[in-house]
Amino acid sequence: MPLHFENRYRHCPTCGGLLEPREVKTEEPPRLVCVECEFIYFQNPKVAAAVIVTYGDKLVLLKRAIEPSRGKW
C-alpha cells in the first residue's frame, strides 16, 4: 500500500492517540486514522462549495465550463 504522505504526523489532533495509515475508501490513497477515536487526518484537504439557485418556481441548472469534468451538470 503506497503512502502519499510523509510519516511526520504521529498523533491525533483531537485526542492525542497514535495515527496509522489505513484504507478508508477503495480506490483512494490510504489516510492517517487515529487508533483511539477513529479521527481521519486529511492532508491538504480540498475546499468545496455548493448552492441551489431558484428563479421563481424553477430550479436553475448549470453545466461545468472548465476541466475537470467539463460539460457535466
N, C-alpha and C. Protein backbone atom coordinates (compact mmCIF):
# COMPACT_ATOMS: atom_id res chain seq x y z
N MET A 1 0.85 -1.17 0.00
CA MET A 1 0.00 0.00 0.00
C MET A 1 0.90 1.25 0.00
N PRO A 2 1.05 1.92 -1.14
CA PRO A 2 1.92 3.11 -1.19
C PRO A 2 1.31 4.26 -0.39
N LEU A 3 2.16 4.98 0.28
CA LEU A 3 1.71 6.11 1.09
C LEU A 3 1.92 7.41 0.33
N HIS A 4 0.97 8.29 0.36
CA HIS A 4 1.06 9.56 -0.35
C HIS A 4 1.49 10.69 0.58
N PHE A 5 1.83 10.37 1.80
CA PHE A 5 2.18 11.40 2.77
C PHE A 5 3.48 11.05 3.46
N GLU A 6 4.13 12.06 3.98
CA GLU A 6 5.31 11.83 4.80
C GLU A 6 4.86 11.32 6.16
N ASN A 7 5.68 10.52 6.77
CA ASN A 7 5.32 9.96 8.07
C ASN A 7 5.75 10.90 9.20
N ARG A 8 5.43 12.17 9.10
CA ARG A 8 5.84 13.12 10.13
C ARG A 8 4.73 13.40 11.14
N TYR A 9 3.51 12.97 10.85
CA TYR A 9 2.42 13.15 11.79
C TYR A 9 2.19 11.83 12.50
N ARG A 10 2.25 11.85 13.82
CA ARG A 10 2.16 10.61 14.58
C ARG A 10 1.00 10.59 15.57
N HIS A 11 0.49 11.77 15.94
CA HIS A 11 -0.53 11.84 16.98
C HIS A 11 -1.78 12.59 16.50
N CYS A 12 -2.92 12.12 16.95
CA CYS A 12 -4.22 12.68 16.59
C CYS A 12 -4.36 14.09 17.17
N PRO A 13 -4.80 15.08 16.36
CA PRO A 13 -5.02 16.42 16.87
C PRO A 13 -6.25 16.52 17.78
N THR A 14 -7.11 15.50 17.76
CA THR A 14 -8.32 15.51 18.57
C THR A 14 -8.10 14.92 19.96
N CYS A 15 -7.52 13.71 20.02
CA CYS A 15 -7.39 13.03 21.32
C CYS A 15 -5.95 12.70 21.71
N GLY A 16 -5.00 12.86 20.81
CA GLY A 16 -3.61 12.56 21.12
C GLY A 16 -3.22 11.12 20.87
N GLY A 17 -4.15 10.28 20.39
CA GLY A 17 -3.85 8.88 20.10
C GLY A 17 -2.91 8.76 18.91
N LEU A 18 -2.40 7.57 18.68
CA LEU A 18 -1.49 7.34 17.57
C LEU A 18 -2.25 7.28 16.25
N LEU A 19 -1.62 7.83 15.20
CA LEU A 19 -2.18 7.77 13.85
C LEU A 19 -1.52 6.63 13.10
N GLU A 20 -2.32 5.89 12.32
CA GLU A 20 -1.76 4.85 11.48
C GLU A 20 -2.40 4.94 10.10
N PRO A 21 -1.65 4.59 9.04
CA PRO A 21 -2.22 4.63 7.70
C PRO A 21 -3.23 3.50 7.52
N ARG A 22 -4.40 3.84 6.96
CA ARG A 22 -5.46 2.85 6.68
C ARG A 22 -6.15 3.22 5.37
N GLU A 23 -6.70 2.20 4.71
CA GLU A 23 -7.51 2.45 3.54
C GLU A 23 -8.91 2.79 4.03
N VAL A 24 -9.34 4.02 3.80
CA VAL A 24 -10.65 4.48 4.25
C VAL A 24 -11.70 4.21 3.19
N LYS A 25 -11.38 4.52 1.93
CA LYS A 25 -12.27 4.26 0.80
C LYS A 25 -11.47 3.52 -0.27
N THR A 26 -12.12 2.57 -0.93
CA THR A 26 -11.44 1.88 -2.01
C THR A 26 -11.15 2.87 -3.13
N GLU A 27 -10.08 2.62 -3.84
CA GLU A 27 -9.62 3.46 -4.94
C GLU A 27 -9.18 4.86 -4.50
N GLU A 28 -8.92 5.06 -3.22
CA GLU A 28 -8.33 6.29 -2.72
C GLU A 28 -7.07 5.93 -1.97
N PRO A 29 -6.12 6.86 -1.88
CA PRO A 29 -4.90 6.54 -1.14
C PRO A 29 -5.19 6.35 0.34
N PRO A 30 -4.31 5.66 1.06
CA PRO A 30 -4.53 5.49 2.49
C PRO A 30 -4.49 6.83 3.22
N ARG A 31 -5.19 6.91 4.31
CA ARG A 31 -5.26 8.12 5.14
C ARG A 31 -4.73 7.80 6.52
N LEU A 32 -4.31 8.82 7.24
CA LEU A 32 -3.90 8.64 8.63
C LEU A 32 -5.15 8.62 9.49
N VAL A 33 -5.34 7.55 10.27
CA VAL A 33 -6.52 7.37 11.10
C VAL A 33 -6.07 7.12 12.54
N CYS A 34 -6.75 7.75 13.48
CA CYS A 34 -6.43 7.59 14.90
C CYS A 34 -6.88 6.21 15.38
N VAL A 35 -6.00 5.51 16.08
CA VAL A 35 -6.35 4.18 16.59
C VAL A 35 -7.27 4.27 17.79
N GLU A 36 -7.38 5.44 18.42
CA GLU A 36 -8.24 5.61 19.60
C GLU A 36 -9.65 6.08 19.24
N CYS A 37 -9.74 7.21 18.51
CA CYS A 37 -11.06 7.83 18.27
C CYS A 37 -11.53 7.72 16.82
N GLU A 38 -10.71 7.12 15.93
CA GLU A 38 -11.06 6.93 14.52
C GLU A 38 -11.11 8.23 13.71
N PHE A 39 -10.55 9.31 14.26
CA PHE A 39 -10.45 10.58 13.52
C PHE A 39 -9.62 10.35 12.27
N ILE A 40 -10.07 10.86 11.13
CA ILE A 40 -9.33 10.74 9.88
C ILE A 40 -8.62 12.06 9.63
N TYR A 41 -7.29 12.01 9.53
CA TYR A 41 -6.48 13.20 9.30
C TYR A 41 -6.24 13.34 7.80
N PHE A 42 -6.90 14.32 7.17
CA PHE A 42 -6.73 14.57 5.75
C PHE A 42 -5.64 15.62 5.57
N GLN A 43 -4.61 15.26 4.80
CA GLN A 43 -3.58 16.23 4.47
C GLN A 43 -3.99 16.96 3.21
N ASN A 44 -3.83 18.26 3.20
CA ASN A 44 -4.17 19.10 2.06
C ASN A 44 -5.62 18.91 1.62
N PRO A 45 -6.58 19.11 2.53
CA PRO A 45 -7.98 18.93 2.14
C PRO A 45 -8.40 19.97 1.11
N LYS A 46 -9.31 19.58 0.23
CA LYS A 46 -9.83 20.48 -0.80
C LYS A 46 -11.14 21.10 -0.33
N VAL A 47 -11.24 22.40 -0.48
CA VAL A 47 -12.44 23.12 -0.08
C VAL A 47 -13.43 23.09 -1.24
N ALA A 48 -14.67 22.84 -0.94
CA ALA A 48 -15.72 22.81 -1.97
C ALA A 48 -16.93 23.57 -1.46
N ALA A 49 -17.73 24.05 -2.39
CA ALA A 49 -18.96 24.76 -2.03
C ALA A 49 -20.07 24.35 -3.00
N ALA A 50 -21.30 24.47 -2.55
CA ALA A 50 -22.44 24.15 -3.39
C ALA A 50 -23.54 25.16 -3.10
N VAL A 51 -24.41 25.36 -4.09
CA VAL A 51 -25.51 26.29 -3.93
C VAL A 51 -26.70 25.80 -4.75
N ILE A 52 -27.89 26.03 -4.26
CA ILE A 52 -29.11 25.73 -5.01
C ILE A 52 -29.75 27.07 -5.37
N VAL A 53 -29.95 27.28 -6.68
CA VAL A 53 -30.48 28.55 -7.17
C VAL A 53 -31.86 28.32 -7.77
N THR A 54 -32.81 29.16 -7.39
CA THR A 54 -34.14 29.10 -7.98
C THR A 54 -34.43 30.41 -8.69
N TYR A 55 -35.28 30.33 -9.69
CA TYR A 55 -35.74 31.50 -10.43
C TYR A 55 -37.24 31.38 -10.49
N GLY A 56 -37.92 32.11 -9.61
CA GLY A 56 -39.36 31.93 -9.46
C GLY A 56 -39.61 30.56 -8.85
N ASP A 57 -40.39 29.73 -9.55
CA ASP A 57 -40.64 28.38 -9.05
C ASP A 57 -39.82 27.34 -9.80
N LYS A 58 -38.76 27.78 -10.50
CA LYS A 58 -37.93 26.87 -11.27
C LYS A 58 -36.53 26.76 -10.67
N LEU A 59 -35.91 25.62 -10.93
CA LEU A 59 -34.55 25.36 -10.46
C LEU A 59 -33.57 25.69 -11.57
N VAL A 60 -32.51 26.43 -11.26
CA VAL A 60 -31.50 26.80 -12.24
C VAL A 60 -30.40 25.75 -12.22
N LEU A 61 -30.08 25.17 -13.40
CA LEU A 61 -29.01 24.19 -13.54
C LEU A 61 -27.92 24.76 -14.44
N LEU A 62 -26.67 24.48 -14.11
CA LEU A 62 -25.55 24.95 -14.91
C LEU A 62 -24.66 23.77 -15.27
N LYS A 63 -24.10 23.83 -16.48
CA LYS A 63 -23.12 22.84 -16.88
C LYS A 63 -21.73 23.41 -16.58
N ARG A 64 -20.84 22.51 -16.15
CA ARG A 64 -19.47 22.92 -15.84
C ARG A 64 -18.76 23.32 -17.12
N ALA A 65 -18.09 24.49 -17.11
CA ALA A 65 -17.47 25.04 -18.30
C ALA A 65 -15.96 24.80 -18.36
N ILE A 66 -15.37 24.31 -17.28
CA ILE A 66 -13.92 24.11 -17.26
C ILE A 66 -13.59 22.69 -16.83
N GLU A 67 -12.38 22.26 -17.15
CA GLU A 67 -11.91 20.94 -16.72
C GLU A 67 -11.49 21.01 -15.26
N PRO A 68 -11.57 19.97 -14.52
CA PRO A 68 -12.02 18.64 -14.90
C PRO A 68 -13.55 18.57 -14.97
N SER A 69 -14.04 17.61 -15.66
CA SER A 69 -15.49 17.33 -15.78
C SER A 69 -16.24 18.38 -16.58
N ARG A 70 -15.59 19.00 -17.53
CA ARG A 70 -16.25 19.99 -18.38
C ARG A 70 -17.47 19.36 -19.05
N GLY A 71 -18.57 20.10 -19.09
CA GLY A 71 -19.79 19.64 -19.74
C GLY A 71 -20.73 18.85 -18.84
N LYS A 72 -20.31 18.57 -17.63
CA LYS A 72 -21.19 17.83 -16.71
C LYS A 72 -22.08 18.81 -15.96
N TRP A 73 -23.25 18.32 -15.56
CA TRP A 73 -24.19 19.14 -14.81
C TRP A 73 -23.69 19.35 -13.41
